[in-house]
């Protein structure tokens, strides 16, 4: 598949802005790359998944570097959760071969709808989705077993949909494990960098990646992720989750309606 010079520039610009927002909310940007690759370029699901996840990998690595410099990553959790994502990432890459265009759009839409509603409901009604507190990383306690279980699922979903997994991991770490939002975002980004690398290698072996768009969008993502990490220090935690919830809802409705899985 060949691409023009203008398209390559477009991939860089797209990667920059999507990665900036993806890093800000800890989602990796895949929730936007996937619909764009599906609707704008019309690629088949396996190519969409593999290419999107490759860009997400660039984004996650760059964002993780920025968060590491800010000393927001909780390494006890990050290392354990990263290992837990690995088998799920490999399994997801293999199972992605069974998607058709219809089933992928519908499944991805339903996933985004569920996540959007959960985040929006809890954030709006309880008003305490992301407590602004300082934590001592040496003494901070959390449910390690629960975090490992969630991380395995995140690794699978990340690799089978090409989205990164932060859109599930961050809310789970905040609501289920009690992490402050900015610590959860940074730690999840570290985990995402590891799991996406394994997922990309698995998709590479199955020829699921379009290298040119992945490379140029990845270049943009590297720099965009730095911007997103800087903005995260200035944006209120609750606002981040509300913004993420609204964006996911719009994408979910679009995917479900246009999938053709449900006829009216």
Foldseek 3Di string as FASTA:
>chain_A
DDDDPVVLVVLLQVLQQLLLLCLLLLFLSLLPQLVCCCPVVNDWQLLSQLLLLLLSLLLLVLLLVLVVVVVLELVVQLVLLLVLLQVLLLVLNVVLVPDGLLRLLQVSLVVLLVLLVVLQVCCVVVVPLADPDDDDSVPDDWDNVVSSVQSNNQLNCCLNRNTQSRSRQQSCCRPVTPDHNSSSSNSSSSSSNSSSVSSNVSSVVVVNYDPSSSVSSSNSSSNSSNNNSVVSVVDDRSVSSNVSSVVSNVSSVVSNVPSPPDDD
